[in-house]
Protein backbone atom coordinates (compact mmCIF):
# COMPACT_ATOMS: atom_id res chain seq x y z
CA MET A 1 12.20 1.20 -48.03
CA THR A 2 9.49 -0.68 -46.22
CA ALA A 3 7.89 1.11 -43.27
CA THR A 4 7.74 -0.80 -40.03
CA THR A 5 4.74 -0.22 -37.79
CA ALA A 6 5.51 0.08 -34.11
CA ILE A 7 3.07 0.08 -31.26
CA THR A 8 4.09 1.50 -27.90
CA VAL A 9 2.07 1.01 -24.76
CA ARG A 10 2.64 2.82 -21.49
CA VAL A 11 1.94 0.84 -18.28
CA PRO A 12 1.97 2.01 -14.66
CA ALA A 13 3.65 0.76 -11.53
CA LYS A 14 1.55 0.02 -8.48
CA VAL A 15 1.63 0.41 -4.74
CA ASN A 16 -0.44 -1.78 -2.45
CA LEU A 17 -2.47 0.39 -0.04
CA GLN A 18 -3.59 -2.77 1.71
CA LEU A 19 -2.23 -6.26 1.23
CA ALA A 20 -4.02 -8.78 3.38
CA VAL A 21 -2.69 -12.33 2.91
CA GLY A 22 -4.46 -15.55 3.86
CA PRO A 23 -2.93 -18.93 4.55
CA ALA A 24 -1.26 -20.93 1.77
CA ARG A 25 -3.72 -22.86 -0.38
CA GLU A 26 -3.25 -26.38 -1.69
CA ASP A 27 -2.19 -24.95 -5.08
CA GLY A 28 0.55 -22.91 -3.40
CA TYR A 29 -1.20 -19.58 -3.88
CA HIS A 30 -2.68 -17.36 -1.14
CA ASP A 31 -6.08 -15.71 -1.07
CA LEU A 32 -5.65 -11.96 -0.94
CA VAL A 33 -7.43 -8.72 -0.33
CA ASN A 34 -5.19 -6.38 -2.32
CA VAL A 35 -5.98 -2.70 -2.72
CA PHE A 36 -4.01 -1.72 -5.84
CA HIS A 37 -3.15 1.91 -6.57
CA ALA A 38 -1.52 2.79 -9.92
CA VAL A 39 1.12 5.53 -9.79
CA ALA A 40 2.63 7.70 -12.54
CA LEU A 41 5.86 5.71 -12.89
CA PHE A 42 5.68 4.00 -16.24
CA ASP A 43 7.36 1.33 -18.32
CA GLU A 44 6.91 1.45 -22.08
CA VAL A 45 6.48 -1.71 -24.11
CA THR A 46 7.07 -1.43 -27.86
CA VAL A 47 6.16 -4.09 -30.41
CA ARG A 48 7.60 -3.78 -33.90
CA GLU A 49 8.38 -5.87 -36.95
CA PRO A 50 11.93 -7.29 -36.59
CA ARG A 51 14.71 -6.83 -39.14
CA PRO A 52 15.38 -9.18 -40.79
CA ARG A 53 12.28 -11.36 -40.53
CA ALA A 54 13.62 -14.69 -41.89
CA GLU A 55 13.97 -17.56 -39.45
CA LEU A 56 13.36 -15.56 -36.33
CA PRO A 57 11.61 -16.65 -33.14
CA LEU A 58 8.07 -15.44 -32.63
CA VAL A 59 9.18 -12.97 -29.95
CA GLY A 60 12.56 -11.28 -29.71
CA LEU A 61 13.35 -9.27 -26.55
CA SER A 62 15.46 -6.23 -25.66
CA VAL A 63 15.51 -3.87 -22.71
CA SER A 64 16.67 -0.34 -21.91
CA GLY A 65 16.29 2.21 -19.14
CA ASP A 66 18.06 4.17 -16.42
CA LEU A 67 17.92 1.49 -13.72
CA GLY A 68 21.62 0.61 -13.87
CA PRO A 69 22.42 -2.91 -12.65
CA HIS A 70 18.71 -3.59 -12.14
CA LEU A 71 18.35 -4.07 -15.88
CA ALA A 72 20.59 -7.15 -15.71
CA ARG A 73 17.83 -8.84 -13.68
CA VAL A 74 15.36 -8.68 -16.57
CA PRO A 75 15.35 -12.10 -18.26
CA LEU A 76 15.59 -11.92 -22.02
CA ASP A 77 14.49 -15.48 -22.69
CA ALA A 78 11.23 -17.43 -22.83
CA THR A 79 10.69 -16.98 -19.09
CA ASN A 80 10.14 -13.24 -19.46
CA LEU A 81 6.53 -12.49 -18.49
CA ALA A 82 6.09 -10.03 -21.34
CA ALA A 83 7.26 -12.61 -23.84
CA ARG A 84 4.87 -15.12 -22.36
CA ALA A 85 2.08 -12.55 -22.73
CA ALA A 86 2.94 -12.09 -26.40
CA ARG A 87 2.76 -15.82 -26.99
CA LEU A 88 -0.64 -15.99 -25.30
CA VAL A 89 -1.96 -13.35 -27.69
CA ALA A 90 -0.44 -15.23 -30.64
CA ARG A 91 -2.27 -18.36 -29.48
CA GLU A 92 -5.59 -16.48 -29.90
CA THR A 93 -5.03 -15.17 -33.44
CA ALA A 94 -4.07 -16.48 -36.85
CA SER A 95 -2.42 -13.17 -37.75
CA ALA A 96 0.62 -13.44 -35.47
CA THR A 97 4.01 -12.84 -37.13
CA PRO A 98 7.48 -12.56 -35.56
CA VAL A 99 7.90 -9.41 -33.50
CA GLU A 100 10.57 -7.59 -31.57
CA LEU A 101 9.44 -6.70 -28.07
CA HIS A 102 11.35 -3.82 -26.45
CA LEU A 103 10.95 -2.92 -22.77
CA HIS A 104 11.95 0.59 -21.71
CA LYS A 105 11.95 0.34 -17.95
CA ARG A 106 11.50 2.95 -15.27
CA ILE A 107 9.75 0.63 -12.74
CA PRO A 108 12.27 -1.08 -10.38
CA VAL A 109 13.02 -4.71 -11.08
CA ALA A 110 12.04 -7.11 -8.31
CA GLY A 111 11.05 -4.08 -6.25
CA GLY A 112 7.46 -4.86 -5.19
CA MET A 113 5.94 -2.45 -7.70
CA ALA A 114 4.80 -5.10 -10.27
CA GLY A 115 7.17 -4.01 -13.05
CA GLY A 116 7.26 -7.46 -14.64
CA SER A 117 3.46 -7.71 -14.45
CA ALA A 118 3.10 -4.19 -15.95
CA ASP A 119 5.33 -5.22 -18.85
CA ALA A 120 3.18 -8.31 -19.40
CA ALA A 121 0.04 -6.16 -19.44
CA GLY A 122 1.68 -3.81 -21.88
CA ALA A 123 2.68 -6.71 -24.15
CA LEU A 124 -0.92 -8.01 -24.14
CA VAL A 125 -2.26 -4.63 -25.34
CA ALA A 126 0.56 -3.96 -27.77
CA CYS A 127 0.44 -7.39 -29.46
CA ASN A 128 -3.35 -7.33 -29.65
CA THR A 129 -3.08 -3.96 -31.43
CA PHE A 130 -0.06 -4.86 -33.61
CA TRP A 131 -1.53 -8.16 -34.84
CA SER A 132 -5.12 -6.79 -35.05
CA ALA A 133 -6.11 -9.79 -32.96
CA GLY A 134 -9.46 -8.27 -31.99
CA LEU A 135 -9.36 -9.41 -28.37
CA SER A 136 -11.77 -7.60 -26.08
CA ASP A 137 -10.88 -6.03 -22.69
CA GLY A 138 -12.47 -9.10 -21.06
CA ASP A 139 -10.33 -11.40 -23.23
CA LEU A 140 -7.17 -9.55 -22.21
CA LEU A 141 -8.13 -9.74 -18.52
CA ALA A 142 -8.62 -13.51 -18.87
CA LEU A 143 -5.17 -13.88 -20.43
CA ALA A 144 -3.73 -11.70 -17.68
CA ALA A 145 -5.13 -14.10 -15.10
CA GLU A 146 -3.33 -16.95 -16.81
CA LEU A 147 -0.04 -15.07 -16.51
CA GLY A 148 -0.12 -14.11 -12.85
CA SER A 149 -1.91 -12.52 -9.93
CA ASP A 150 -0.75 -8.92 -10.57
CA VAL A 151 -1.04 -8.75 -14.39
CA ALA A 152 -4.71 -7.77 -14.63
CA PHE A 153 -4.41 -4.58 -12.59
CA PRO A 154 -2.01 -2.65 -14.86
CA LEU A 155 -4.53 -3.19 -17.67
CA VAL A 156 -7.15 -1.13 -15.82
CA GLY A 157 -5.12 1.17 -13.50
CA GLY A 158 -6.70 3.61 -11.14
CA THR A 159 -7.45 2.14 -7.68
CA ALA A 160 -9.05 -1.27 -7.34
CA VAL A 161 -9.57 -4.07 -4.85
CA GLY A 162 -8.15 -7.39 -5.98
CA THR A 163 -9.48 -10.62 -4.45
CA GLY A 164 -8.87 -14.30 -5.14
CA ARG A 165 -5.17 -14.35 -6.02
CA GLY A 166 -5.51 -10.62 -6.71
CA GLU A 167 -6.75 -11.04 -10.26
CA VAL A 168 -10.47 -10.43 -9.57
CA LEU A 169 -10.73 -6.64 -9.64
CA THR A 170 -13.40 -4.29 -8.35
CA PRO A 171 -12.86 -0.53 -8.93
CA ALA A 172 -12.59 1.46 -5.70
CA ASP A 173 -14.26 4.81 -4.96
CA SER A 174 -11.10 6.97 -4.94
CA PRO A 175 -11.56 10.57 -6.09
CA GLY A 176 -8.40 11.87 -4.46
CA ARG A 177 -4.94 12.43 -5.90
CA TYR A 178 -1.97 11.48 -3.75
CA HIS A 179 1.69 12.39 -3.59
CA TRP A 180 4.15 9.53 -3.23
CA VAL A 181 7.87 9.01 -2.55
CA PHE A 182 9.42 5.65 -3.38
CA ALA A 183 12.76 4.69 -1.82
CA LEU A 184 14.52 2.26 -4.14
CA ALA A 185 16.81 -0.38 -2.67
CA GLU A 186 20.04 -1.97 -3.83
CA GLY A 187 19.16 -5.49 -4.94
CA GLY A 188 15.75 -7.05 -5.12
CA LEU A 189 13.55 -9.48 -3.21
CA SER A 190 12.08 -12.65 -4.63
CA THR A 191 8.29 -12.67 -4.25
CA PRO A 192 8.21 -16.46 -3.66
CA ASP A 193 10.85 -16.05 -0.95
CA VAL A 194 8.83 -13.34 0.79
CA PHE A 195 5.67 -15.42 0.68
CA GLY A 196 7.63 -18.40 2.03
CA GLU A 197 8.92 -16.28 4.89
CA TYR A 198 5.37 -15.06 5.54
CA ASP A 199 4.16 -18.64 5.81
CA ARG A 200 6.99 -19.43 8.23
CA LEU A 201 6.34 -16.40 10.41
CA ARG A 202 2.55 -16.64 10.37
CA PRO A 203 1.55 -20.32 10.05
CA GLY A 204 -1.93 -19.64 11.42
CA ALA A 205 -2.78 -16.73 9.13
CA PRO A 206 -6.51 -15.93 9.08
CA GLU A 207 -8.55 -15.48 5.92
CA PRO A 208 -7.89 -12.01 4.45
CA ALA A 209 -10.36 -9.21 5.01
CA GLY A 210 -10.72 -5.68 3.70
CA ASP A 211 -10.24 -2.61 5.91
CA PRO A 212 -13.33 -0.37 6.06
CA GLU A 213 -11.27 2.55 7.41
CA LEU A 214 -8.93 2.48 4.43
CA MET A 215 -11.83 2.34 1.95
CA ALA A 216 -13.56 5.24 3.77
CA ALA A 217 -10.32 7.28 3.60
CA LEU A 218 -10.09 6.63 -0.15
CA ALA A 219 -13.75 7.59 -0.66
CA ALA A 220 -13.16 10.83 1.24
CA GLY A 221 -9.90 11.62 -0.58
CA ASP A 222 -8.32 12.11 2.87
CA ALA A 223 -4.53 11.63 2.59
CA ALA A 224 -3.91 11.77 6.37
CA ARG A 225 -6.51 9.05 7.05
CA LEU A 226 -5.20 6.97 4.18
CA GLY A 227 -1.62 7.25 5.41
CA ALA A 228 -2.69 5.98 8.85
CA ALA A 229 -4.55 3.04 7.34
CA LEU A 230 -1.85 1.68 5.00
CA SER A 231 -1.10 -1.97 5.77
CA ASN A 232 0.86 -4.86 4.28
CA ASP A 233 0.84 -8.36 5.72
CA LEU A 234 4.07 -9.15 3.81
CA GLU A 235 6.00 -6.30 5.46
CA ARG A 236 7.13 -8.34 8.45
CA ALA A 237 8.44 -11.05 6.12
CA ALA A 238 10.22 -8.50 3.86
CA LEU A 239 11.84 -6.92 6.98
CA SER A 240 12.88 -10.37 8.17
CA LEU A 241 14.75 -10.95 4.88
CA ARG A 242 15.95 -7.34 4.59
CA PRO A 243 16.30 -5.81 8.09
CA ASP A 244 17.82 -2.65 6.58
CA LEU A 245 14.42 -1.64 5.28
CA ALA A 246 13.28 -0.83 8.85
CA GLY A 247 15.72 2.07 8.81
CA VAL A 248 14.36 3.32 5.51
CA LEU A 249 10.79 3.31 6.84
CA ALA A 250 11.90 5.12 10.00
CA ALA A 251 13.74 7.78 8.03
CA GLY A 252 10.72 8.50 5.92
CA ARG A 253 8.41 8.76 8.91
CA ALA A 254 10.86 11.07 10.64
CA ALA A 255 10.85 13.28 7.55
CA GLY A 256 7.11 13.78 7.83
CA ALA A 257 5.47 11.07 5.75
CA LEU A 258 1.77 10.55 6.47
CA GLY A 259 2.29 6.84 6.06
CA ALA A 260 5.14 4.47 5.31
CA ILE A 261 4.94 0.90 3.97
CA VAL A 262 6.96 -1.74 2.17
CA SER A 263 5.47 -1.87 -1.32
CA GLY A 264 4.16 -5.37 -2.06
CA SER A 265 6.84 -7.97 -1.48
CA GLY A 266 9.50 -5.24 -1.36
CA PRO A 267 12.19 -4.05 -1.15
CA THR A 268 10.90 -0.66 -2.41
CA CYS A 269 9.42 1.42 0.40
CA ALA A 270 6.53 3.79 -0.23
CA PHE A 271 5.77 7.06 1.59
CA LEU A 272 2.60 9.07 1.34
CA ALA A 273 3.05 12.85 1.50
CA ALA A 274 0.60 15.68 2.10
CA SER A 275 1.75 17.69 -0.95
CA ALA A 276 4.20 17.76 -3.77
CA ALA A 277 6.44 20.10 -1.77
CA GLU A 278 6.44 17.72 1.22
CA ALA A 279 7.12 14.74 -1.06
CA ALA A 280 10.23 16.60 -2.31
CA GLU A 281 11.34 17.20 1.30
CA ILE A 282 10.84 13.58 2.23
CA ALA A 283 12.79 12.43 -0.82
CA ALA A 284 15.64 14.81 -0.01
CA ALA A 285 15.79 13.53 3.58
CA LEU A 286 15.83 9.90 2.40
CA ASP A 287 18.56 10.66 -0.11
CA ALA A 288 20.61 12.40 2.60
CA SER A 289 20.14 9.46 5.01
CA GLY A 290 22.13 7.11 2.79
CA ARG A 291 19.64 4.32 3.56
CA CYS A 292 18.38 3.84 0.03
CA ALA A 293 19.84 3.68 -3.47
CA ALA A 294 17.60 6.42 -4.93
CA THR A 295 14.20 8.05 -4.56
CA VAL A 296 11.38 8.77 -6.98
CA THR A 297 8.52 11.16 -6.40
CA THR A 298 5.25 10.78 -8.28
CA GLN A 299 1.46 10.92 -8.03
CA GLY A 300 -1.44 8.49 -8.07
CA HIS A 301 -3.68 7.26 -9.19
CA ALA A 302 -2.66 6.78 -12.83
CA ASP A 303 -4.38 5.31 -15.88
CA GLY A 304 -3.87 1.68 -16.87
CA ALA A 305 -2.20 0.37 -20.06
CA ARG A 306 -2.60 2.82 -22.96
CA VAL A 307 -1.31 2.88 -26.55
CA VAL A 308 0.69 6.10 -26.72
CA ASP A 309 2.68 6.05 -29.93
CA PRO A 310 1.64 3.96 -32.91
CA ALA A 311 4.08 5.20 -35.57
CA GLU A 312 5.84 4.39 -38.77
CA ASP A 313 9.60 3.74 -38.53
């Protein structure tokens, strides 16, 4: 029996502590100041040799997880961002052979937590390792920028400021550890739709700028200051498309959250808590409110993409 080598990479979700959005550019993108914060909610991306190998596409895809109907929203064709990542790595090496790419998902789909981008980052690392492509960290970051604005950050994790489209990363001084509650919503929100609504609601958007108070709160490890400084320019647009999210945010604040925000383009809502015990209380109150589909409690920041289980099948 021939052993099959499998490489598994764990990749984190993110929450945006600040998302400042400029006006639409000629290329359709927006300049951003995006303070990314990785949290300990992980997808796992596994690359292995397929069975049988004959006449197979370069990348086969499968998905699993406990996200119920959310999993049906994961495309299993050439449009999948992780599959595109695998093909980019293959472009850079002569050693690429057909692979099976399996996504085990815990990050909500179309939830504003960059699950698709995390999977793409995981595929970059996993395929680079599996094919012994020899790409450097800088090479992988360059490929991530080709794939999308949010793909670079899950490679590095921690807390970082993203500028440009979000792909130019500068690590942030952030010694603290924070307790988070995420309220998951039924259904998703399309990121392009949210940006389109943002452009409609704020046609004269200024150039994005960082928030010194938020950065000072991070440097001090002060959860209360950080909660007060959370901001997201896309929140108004997300609430316009999903008015029900206003009730979710209000319920979390009433339960004692230090800060409440729509995560990225939504519809997941994020709540900062003072402690693990208070996070559990906030989650229980949100669950009891009936305003969200489910809650998840976790901590940040978390590491970026890491190989966790290279093994022989």
